[in-house]
Amino acid sequence: MSVHSKLTAQGQISVPAEVRRKLGLGPGSVIEWEERDGEYVVRPVGRTTSLEIHEEVFGSTGAASGPPADVRQGITAYIRKRHARG
């Protein structure tokens, strides 16, 4: 899928209707721009993939190294860090 937006003189863009539907965006929705390997990924704030949480909690080994309570604490810490206002 390839869609385009035009940048206004004020630096604003319109999110195409097809993209809004797929992302579940409506009036007042907040999106974030994340740089990854020289490109930007745009997604609704608050949406985190399970892979992102898994890598943060378990590292690159992918193996859980503690009891379930530790895993829950790791997930909680990740979510708080991800959504901290800075």
PDB file of N, CA and C in Angstrom:
ATOM      1  N   MET A   1       0.844  -1.172   0.000  1.00  0.00           N
ATOM      2  CA  MET A   1       0.000   0.000   0.000  1.00  0.00           C
ATOM      3  C   MET A   1       0.890   1.236   0.000  1.00  0.00           C
ATOM      4  N   SER A   2       0.588   2.155  -0.846  1.00  0.00           N
ATOM      5  CA  SER A   2       1.314   3.413  -0.892  1.00  0.00           C
ATOM      6  C   SER A   2       0.303   4.547  -0.971  1.00  0.00           C
ATOM      7  N   VAL A   3       0.352   5.425   0.023  1.00  0.00           N
ATOM      8  CA  VAL A   3      -0.521   6.598   0.037  1.00  0.00           C
ATOM      9  C   VAL A   3       0.351   7.814   0.280  1.00  0.00           C
ATOM     10  N   HIS A   4      -0.157   8.968  -0.083  1.00  0.00           N
ATOM     11  CA  HIS A   4       0.623  10.188   0.037  1.00  0.00           C
ATOM     12  C   HIS A   4      -0.142  11.248   0.818  1.00  0.00           C
ATOM     13  N   SER A   5       0.619  12.137   1.449  1.00  0.00           N
ATOM     14  CA  SER A   5       0.070  13.315   2.108  1.00  0.00           C
ATOM     15  C   SER A   5       0.874  14.512   1.648  1.00  0.00           C
ATOM     16  N   LYS A   6       0.240  15.668   1.666  1.00  0.00           N
ATOM     17  CA  LYS A   6       0.912  16.900   1.273  1.00  0.00           C
ATOM     18  C   LYS A   6       1.152  17.746   2.518  1.00  0.00           C
ATOM     19  N   LEU A   7       2.346  18.272   2.663  1.00  0.00           N
ATOM     20  CA  LEU A   7       2.732  19.109   3.791  1.00  0.00           C
ATOM     21  C   LEU A   7       2.291  20.545   3.529  1.00  0.00           C
ATOM     22  N   THR A   8       1.598  21.151   4.501  1.00  0.00           N
ATOM     23  CA  THR A   8       1.173  22.543   4.340  1.00  0.00           C
ATOM     24  C   THR A   8       2.309  23.477   4.739  1.00  0.00           C
ATOM     25  N   ALA A   9       2.129  24.754   4.476  1.00  0.00           N
ATOM     26  CA  ALA A   9       3.132  25.760   4.843  1.00  0.00           C
ATOM     27  C   ALA A   9       3.339  25.818   6.356  1.00  0.00           C
ATOM     28  N   GLN A  10       2.336  25.392   7.116  1.00  0.00           N
ATOM     29  CA  GLN A  10       2.438  25.386   8.582  1.00  0.00           C
ATOM     30  C   GLN A  10       3.028  24.080   9.122  1.00  0.00           C
ATOM     31  N   GLY A  11       3.443  23.181   8.234  1.00  0.00           N
ATOM     32  CA  GLY A  11       4.053  21.919   8.654  1.00  0.00           C
ATOM     33  C   GLY A  11       3.038  20.853   9.034  1.00  0.00           C
ATOM     34  N   GLN A  12       1.809  20.995   8.596  1.00  0.00           N
ATOM     35  CA  GLN A  12       0.760  20.032   8.915  1.00  0.00           C
ATOM     36  C   GLN A  12       0.530  19.089   7.749  1.00  0.00           C
ATOM     37  N   ILE A  13       0.049  17.879   8.086  1.00  0.00           N
ATOM     38  CA  ILE A  13      -0.328  16.909   7.058  1.00  0.00           C
ATOM     39  C   ILE A  13      -1.722  16.382   7.375  1.00  0.00           C
ATOM     40  N   SER A  14      -2.367  15.830   6.377  1.00  0.00           N
ATOM     41  CA  SER A  14      -3.622  15.113   6.562  1.00  0.00           C
ATOM     42  C   SER A  14      -3.313  13.632   6.447  1.00  0.00           C
ATOM     43  N   VAL A  15      -3.866  12.852   7.355  1.00  0.00           N
ATOM     44  CA  VAL A  15      -3.693  11.401   7.296  1.00  0.00           C
ATOM     45  C   VAL A  15      -4.787  10.862   6.380  1.00  0.00           C
ATOM     46  N   PRO A  16      -4.404  10.160   5.315  1.00  0.00           N
ATOM     47  CA  PRO A  16      -5.400   9.646   4.374  1.00  0.00           C
ATOM     48  C   PRO A  16      -6.442   8.773   5.080  1.00  0.00           C
ATOM     49  N   ALA A  17      -7.685   8.821   4.591  1.00  0.00           N
ATOM     50  CA  ALA A  17      -8.803   8.091   5.203  1.00  0.00           C
ATOM     51  C   ALA A  17      -8.503   6.605   5.354  1.00  0.00           C
ATOM     52  N   GLU A  18      -7.893   6.002   4.350  1.00  0.00           N
ATOM     53  CA  GLU A  18      -7.577   4.568   4.407  1.00  0.00           C
ATOM     54  C   GLU A  18      -6.639   4.252   5.566  1.00  0.00           C
ATOM     55  N   VAL A  19      -5.663   5.113   5.782  1.00  0.00           N
ATOM     56  CA  VAL A  19      -4.706   4.921   6.880  1.00  0.00           C
ATOM     57  C   VAL A  19      -5.402   5.136   8.217  1.00  0.00           C
ATOM     58  N   ARG A  20      -6.245   6.159   8.309  1.00  0.00           N
ATOM     59  CA  ARG A  20      -6.989   6.414   9.559  1.00  0.00           C
ATOM     60  C   ARG A  20      -7.833   5.212   9.936  1.00  0.00           C
ATOM     61  N   ARG A  21      -8.498   4.629   8.959  1.00  0.00           N
ATOM     62  CA  ARG A  21      -9.331   3.447   9.236  1.00  0.00           C
ATOM     63  C   ARG A  21      -8.482   2.288   9.730  1.00  0.00           C
ATOM     64  N   LYS A  22      -7.384   2.012   9.046  1.00  0.00           N
ATOM     65  CA  LYS A  22      -6.540   0.870   9.425  1.00  0.00           C
ATOM     66  C   LYS A  22      -5.908   1.043  10.799  1.00  0.00           C
ATOM     67  N   LEU A  23      -5.582   2.288  11.163  1.00  0.00           N
ATOM     68  CA  LEU A  23      -4.950   2.543  12.456  1.00  0.00           C
ATOM     69  C   LEU A  23      -5.962   2.856  13.557  1.00  0.00           C
ATOM     70  N   GLY A  24      -7.221   2.967  13.196  1.00  0.00           N
ATOM     71  CA  GLY A  24      -8.247   3.282  14.186  1.00  0.00           C
ATOM     72  C   GLY A  24      -8.147   4.703  14.718  1.00  0.00           C
ATOM     73  N   LEU A  25      -7.743   5.636  13.866  1.00  0.00           N
ATOM     74  CA  LEU A  25      -7.576   7.029  14.276  1.00  0.00           C
ATOM     75  C   LEU A  25      -8.864   7.814  14.085  1.00  0.00           C
ATOM     76  N   GLY A  26      -9.101   8.718  15.012  1.00  0.00           N
ATOM     77  CA  GLY A  26     -10.247   9.603  14.924  1.00  0.00           C
ATOM     78  C   GLY A  26      -9.845  10.969  15.443  1.00  0.00           C
ATOM     79  N   PRO A  27     -10.797  11.892  15.490  1.00  0.00           N
ATOM     80  CA  PRO A  27     -10.488  13.227  16.003  1.00  0.00           C
ATOM     81  C   PRO A  27      -9.867  13.141  17.401  1.00  0.00           C
ATOM     82  N   GLY A  28      -8.784  13.859  17.596  1.00  0.00           N
ATOM     83  CA  GLY A  28      -8.100  13.865  18.884  1.00  0.00           C
ATOM     84  C   GLY A  28      -7.071  12.765  19.057  1.00  0.00           C
ATOM     85  N   SER A  29      -6.976  11.835  18.107  1.00  0.00           N
ATOM     86  CA  SER A  29      -5.972  10.778  18.204  1.00  0.00           C
ATOM     87  C   SER A  29      -4.579  11.373  18.164  1.00  0.00           C
ATOM     88  N   VAL A  30      -3.665  10.765  18.886  1.00  0.00           N
ATOM     89  CA  VAL A  30      -2.271  11.218  18.901  1.00  0.00           C
ATOM     90  C   VAL A  30      -1.437  10.131  18.240  1.00  0.00           C
ATOM     91  N   ILE A  31      -0.557  10.560  17.332  1.00  0.00           N
ATOM     92  CA  ILE A  31       0.349   9.612  16.683  1.00  0.00           C
ATOM     93  C   ILE A  31       1.776   9.982  17.052  1.00  0.00           C
ATOM     94  N   GLU A  32       2.658   8.985  16.984  1.00  0.00           N
ATOM     95  CA  GLU A  32       4.062   9.240  17.256  1.00  0.00           C
ATOM     96  C   GLU A  32       4.884   8.871  16.031  1.00  0.00           C
ATOM     97  N   TRP A  33       6.019   9.543  15.925  1.00  0.00           N
ATOM     98  CA  TRP A  33       6.958   9.321  14.832  1.00  0.00           C
ATOM     99  C   TRP A  33       8.214   8.748  15.453  1.00  0.00           C
ATOM    100  N   GLU A  34       8.595   7.546  15.036  1.00  0.00           N
ATOM    101  CA  GLU A  34       9.775   6.889  15.590  1.00  0.00           C
ATOM    102  C   GLU A  34      10.775   6.620  14.467  1.00  0.00           C
ATOM    103  N   GLU A  35      12.015   7.048  14.681  1.00  0.00           N
ATOM    104  CA  GLU A  35      13.051   6.801  13.674  1.00  0.00           C
ATOM    105  C   GLU A  35      13.610   5.402  13.862  1.00  0.00           C
ATOM    106  N   ARG A  36      13.666   4.663  12.766  1.00  0.00           N
ATOM    107  CA  ARG A  36      14.224   3.303  12.752  1.00  0.00           C
ATOM    108  C   ARG A  36      15.084   3.158  11.510  1.00  0.00           C
ATOM    109  N   ASP A  37      16.356   3.004  11.721  1.00  0.00           N
ATOM    110  CA  ASP A  37      17.285   2.768  10.606  1.00  0.00           C
ATOM    111  C   ASP A  37      17.138   3.795   9.484  1.00  0.00           C
ATOM    112  N   GLY A  38      17.032   5.069   9.853  1.00  0.00           N
ATOM    113  CA  GLY A  38      16.981   6.136   8.873  1.00  0.00           C
ATOM    114  C   GLY A  38      15.619   6.374   8.263  1.00  0.00           C
ATOM    115  N   GLU A  39      14.605   5.635   8.676  1.00  0.00           N
ATOM    116  CA  GLU A  39      13.239   5.846   8.205  1.00  0.00           C
ATOM    117  C   GLU A  39      12.355   6.140   9.412  1.00  0.00           C
ATOM    118  N   TYR A  40      11.181   6.684   9.161  1.00  0.00           N
ATOM    119  CA  TYR A  40      10.257   6.977  10.248  1.00  0.00           C
ATOM    120  C   TYR A  40       9.052   6.053  10.183  1.00  0.00           C
ATOM    121  N   VAL A  41       8.674   5.566  11.342  1.00  0.00           N
ATOM    122  CA  VAL A  41       7.476   4.745  11.495  1.00  0.00           C
ATOM    123  C   VAL A  41       6.467   5.607  12.249  1.00  0.00           C
ATOM    124  N   VAL A  42       5.258   5.684  11.736  1.00  0.00           N
ATOM    125  CA  VAL A  42       4.202   6.464  12.373  1.00  0.00           C
ATOM    126  C   VAL A  42       3.168   5.484  12.906  1.00  0.00           C
ATOM    127  N   ARG A  43       2.803   5.664  14.187  1.00  0.00           N
ATOM    128  CA  ARG A  43       1.794   4.784  14.767  1.00  0.00           C
ATOM    129  C   ARG A  43       1.045   5.517  15.869  1.00  0.00           C
ATOM    130  N   PRO A  44      -0.135   5.016  16.198  1.00  0.00           N
ATOM    131  CA  PRO A  44      -0.881   5.635  17.289  1.00  0.00           C
ATOM    132  C   PRO A  44      -0.114   5.494  18.604  1.00  0.00           C
ATOM    133  N   VAL A  45      -0.159   6.512  19.426  1.00  0.00           N
ATOM    134  CA  VAL A  45       0.474   6.453  20.739  1.00  0.00           C
ATOM    135  C   VAL A  45      -0.236   5.389  21.554  1.00  0.00           C
ATOM    136  N   GLY A  46       0.544   4.630  22.308  1.00  0.00           N
ATOM    137  CA  GLY A  46      -0.038   3.612  23.171  1.00  0.00           C
ATOM    138  C   GLY A  46      -0.055   2.240  22.565  1.00  0.00           C
ATOM    139  N   ARG A  47       0.306   2.118  21.317  1.00  0.00           N
ATOM    140  CA  ARG A  47       0.338   0.799  20.692  1.00  0.00           C
ATOM    141  C   ARG A  47       1.776   0.306  20.675  1.00  0.00           C
ATOM    142  N   THR A  48       1.973  -0.772  21.352  1.00  0.00           N
ATOM    143  CA  THR A  48       3.294  -1.380  21.438  1.00  0.00           C
ATOM    144  C   THR A  48       3.164  -2.827  21.006  1.00  0.00           C
ATOM    145  N   THR A  49       4.088  -3.291  20.201  1.00  0.00           N
ATOM    146  CA  THR A  49       4.007  -4.675  19.762  1.00  0.00           C
ATOM    147  C   THR A  49       4.531  -5.609  20.838  1.00  0.00           C
ATOM    148  N   SER A  50       4.064  -6.836  20.808  1.00  0.00           N
ATOM    149  CA  SER A  50       4.541  -7.824  21.773  1.00  0.00           C
ATOM    150  C   SER A  50       6.028  -8.100  21.554  1.00  0.00           C
ATOM    151  N   LEU A  51       6.512  -8.005  20.328  1.00  0.00           N
ATOM    152  CA  LEU A  51       7.935  -8.204  20.058  1.00  0.00           C
ATOM    153  C   LEU A  51       8.779  -7.142  20.750  1.00  0.00           C
ATOM    154  N   GLU A  52       8.331  -5.875  20.724  1.00  0.00           N
ATOM    155  CA  GLU A  52       9.067  -4.807  21.396  1.00  0.00           C
ATOM    156  C   GLU A  52       9.152  -5.055  22.897  1.00  0.00           C
ATOM    157  N   ILE A  53       8.050  -5.480  23.489  1.00  0.00           N
ATOM    158  CA  ILE A  53       8.058  -5.770  24.926  1.00  0.00           C
ATOM    159  C   ILE A  53       8.960  -6.961  25.208  1.00  0.00           C
ATOM    160  N   HIS A  54       8.849  -8.009  24.421  1.00  0.00           N
ATOM    161  CA  HIS A  54       9.652  -9.219  24.616  1.00  0.00           C
ATOM    162  C   HIS A  54      11.140  -8.907  24.565  1.00  0.00           C
ATOM    163  N   GLU A  55      11.569  -8.132  23.569  1.00  0.00           N
ATOM    164  CA  GLU A  55      12.987  -7.791  23.444  1.00  0.00           C
ATOM    165  C   GLU A  55      13.466  -6.944  24.612  1.00  0.00           C
ATOM    166  N   GLU A  56      12.625  -6.039  25.085  1.00  0.00           N
ATOM    167  CA  GLU A  56      13.007  -5.189  26.212  1.00  0.00           C
ATOM    168  C   GLU A  56      13.125  -5.994  27.502  1.00  0.00           C
ATOM    169  N   VAL A  57      12.192  -6.912  27.727  1.00  0.00           N
ATOM    170  CA  VAL A  57      12.178  -7.684  28.969  1.00  0.00           C
ATOM    171  C   VAL A  57      13.229  -8.790  28.952  1.00  0.00           C
ATOM    172  N   PHE A  58      13.347  -9.497  27.832  1.00  0.00           N
ATOM    173  CA  PHE A  58      14.221 -10.663  27.781  1.00  0.00           C
ATOM    174  C   PHE A  58      15.544 -10.430  27.067  1.00  0.00           C
ATOM    175  N   GLY A  59      15.701  -9.289  26.413  1.00  0.00           N
ATOM    176  CA  GLY A  59      16.926  -9.046  25.664  1.00  0.00           C
ATOM    177  C   GLY A  59      16.951  -9.847  24.382  1.00  0.00           C
ATOM    178  N   SER A  60      18.119  -9.913  23.781  1.00  0.00           N
ATOM    179  CA  SER A  60      18.237 -10.588  22.491  1.00  0.00           C
ATOM    180  C   SER A  60      18.237 -12.101  22.604  1.00  0.00           C
ATOM    181  N   THR A  61      18.440 -12.634  23.829  1.00  0.00           N
ATOM    182  CA  THR A  61      18.465 -14.092  23.988  1.00  0.00           C
ATOM    183  C   THR A  61      17.090 -14.693  23.832  1.00  0.00           C
ATOM    184  N   GLY A  62      16.047 -13.920  24.192  1.00  0.00           N
ATOM    185  CA  GLY A  62      14.692 -14.401  24.036  1.00  0.00           C
ATOM    186  C   GLY A  62      14.253 -15.374  25.105  1.00  0.00           C
ATOM    187  N   ALA A  63      15.081 -15.580  26.118  1.00  0.00           N
ATOM    188  CA  ALA A  63      14.737 -16.547  27.164  1.00  0.00           C
ATOM    189  C   ALA A  63      14.371 -15.837  28.454  1.00  0.00           C
ATOM    190  N   ALA A  64      13.263 -16.266  29.052  1.00  0.00           N
ATOM    191  CA  ALA A  64      12.864 -15.728  30.347  1.00  0.00           C
ATOM    192  C   ALA A  64      13.831 -16.246  31.395  1.00  0.00           C
ATOM    193  N   SER A  65      14.304 -15.337  32.247  1.00  0.00           N
ATOM    194  CA  SER A  65      15.298 -15.759  33.224  1.00  0.00           C
ATOM    195  C   SER A  65      14.840 -15.581  34.661  1.00  0.00           C
ATOM    196  N   GLY A  66      13.574 -15.385  34.869  1.00  0.00           N
ATOM    197  CA  GLY A  66      13.107 -15.187  36.232  1.00  0.00           C
ATOM    198  C   GLY A  66      11.700 -15.692  36.411  1.00  0.00           C
ATOM    199  N   PRO A  67      11.220 -15.619  37.638  1.00  0.00           N
ATOM    200  CA  PRO A  67       9.853 -16.063  37.910  1.00  0.00           C
ATOM    201  C   PRO A  67       8.838 -15.116  37.268  1.00  0.00           C
ATOM    202  N   PRO A  68       7.590 -15.550  37.139  1.00  0.00           N
ATOM    203  CA  PRO A  68       6.561 -14.723  36.502  1.00  0.00           C
ATOM    204  C   PRO A  68       6.439 -13.317  37.088  1.00  0.00           C
ATOM    205  N   ALA A  69       6.638 -13.168  38.379  1.00  0.00           N
ATOM    206  CA  ALA A  69       6.537 -11.836  38.987  1.00  0.00           C
ATOM    207  C   ALA A  69       7.590 -10.903  38.397  1.00  0.00           C
ATOM    208  N   ASP A  70       8.804 -11.418  38.157  1.00  0.00           N
ATOM    209  CA  ASP A  70       9.859 -10.599  37.552  1.00  0.00           C
ATOM    210  C   ASP A  70       9.503 -10.201  36.122  1.00  0.00           C
ATOM    211  N   VAL A  71       8.896 -11.124  35.396  1.00  0.00           N
ATOM    212  CA  VAL A  71       8.495 -10.843  34.026  1.00  0.00           C
ATOM    213  C   VAL A  71       7.423  -9.754  34.030  1.00  0.00           C
ATOM    214  N   ARG A  72       6.440  -9.855  34.921  1.00  0.00           N
ATOM    215  CA  ARG A  72       5.393  -8.831  35.019  1.00  0.00           C
ATOM    216  C   ARG A  72       6.008  -7.476  35.357  1.00  0.00           C
ATOM    217  N   GLN A  73       6.967  -7.457  36.273  1.00  0.00           N
ATOM    218  CA  GLN A  73       7.628  -6.201  36.636  1.00  0.00           C
ATOM    219  C   GLN A  73       8.377  -5.624  35.441  1.00  0.00           C
ATOM    220  N   GLY A  74       9.023  -6.487  34.671  1.00  0.00           N
ATOM    221  CA  GLY A  74       9.740  -6.027  33.482  1.00  0.00           C
ATOM    222  C   GLY A  74       8.808  -5.414  32.458  1.00  0.00           C
ATOM    223  N   ILE A  75       7.662  -6.028  32.250  1.00  0.00           N
ATOM    224  CA  ILE A  75       6.680  -5.495  31.300  1.00  0.00           C
ATOM    225  C   ILE A  75       6.150  -4.161  31.801  1.00  0.00           C
ATOM    226  N   THR A  76       5.832  -4.088  33.084  1.00  0.00           N
ATOM    227  CA  THR A  76       5.332  -2.842  33.667  1.00  0.00           C
ATOM    228  C   THR A  76       6.360  -1.728  33.527  1.00  0.00           C
ATOM    229  N   ALA A  77       7.627  -2.028  33.806  1.00  0.00           N
ATOM    230  CA  ALA A  77       8.691  -1.029  33.685  1.00  0.00           C
ATOM    231  C   ALA A  77       8.819  -0.553  32.241  1.00  0.00           C
ATOM    232  N   TYR A  78       8.725  -1.475  31.297  1.00  0.00           N
ATOM    233  CA  TYR A  78       8.829  -1.104  29.886  1.00  0.00           C
ATOM    234  C   TYR A  78       7.693  -0.168  29.489  1.00  0.00           C
ATOM    235  N   ILE A  79       6.465  -0.506  29.856  1.00  0.00           N
ATOM    236  CA  ILE A  79       5.321   0.326  29.493  1.00  0.00           C
ATOM    237  C   ILE A  79       5.455   1.710  30.111  1.00  0.00           C
ATOM    238  N   ARG A  80       5.868   1.782  31.364  1.00  0.00           N
ATOM    239  CA  ARG A  80       6.029   3.099  32.022  1.00  0.00           C
ATOM    240  C   ARG A  80       7.099   3.914  31.317  1.00  0.00           C
ATOM    241  N   LYS A  81       8.230   3.274  30.973  1.00  0.00           N
ATOM    242  CA  LYS A  81       9.311   3.987  30.291  1.00  0.00           C
ATOM    243  C   LYS A  81       8.855   4.465  28.912  1.00  0.00           C
ATOM    244  N   ARG A  82       8.144   3.630  28.217  1.00  0.00           N
ATOM    245  CA  ARG A  82       7.714   3.938  26.858  1.00  0.00           C
ATOM    246  C   ARG A  82       6.747   5.125  26.826  1.00  0.00           C
ATOM    247  N   HIS A  83       5.930   5.238  27.876  1.00  0.00           N
ATOM    248  CA  HIS A  83       4.904   6.276  27.872  1.00  0.00           C
ATOM    249  C   HIS A  83       5.200   7.411  28.844  1.00  0.00           C
ATOM    250  N   ALA A  84       6.437   7.474  29.305  1.00  0.00           N
ATOM    251  CA  ALA A  84       6.824   8.579  30.200  1.00  0.00           C
ATOM    252  C   ALA A  84       6.826   9.882  29.405  1.00  0.00           C
ATOM    253  N   ARG A  85       6.401  10.906  30.038  1.00  0.00           N
ATOM    254  CA  ARG A  85       6.418  12.214  29.378  1.00  0.00           C
ATOM    255  C   ARG A  85       7.753  12.854  29.673  1.00  0.00           C
ATOM    256  N   GLY A  86       8.454  13.195  28.632  1.00  0.00           N
ATOM    257  CA  GLY A  86       9.782  13.715  28.837  1.00  0.00           C
ATOM    258  C   GLY A  86       9.969  14.988  28.196  1.00  0.00           C
TER     259      GLY A  86
END
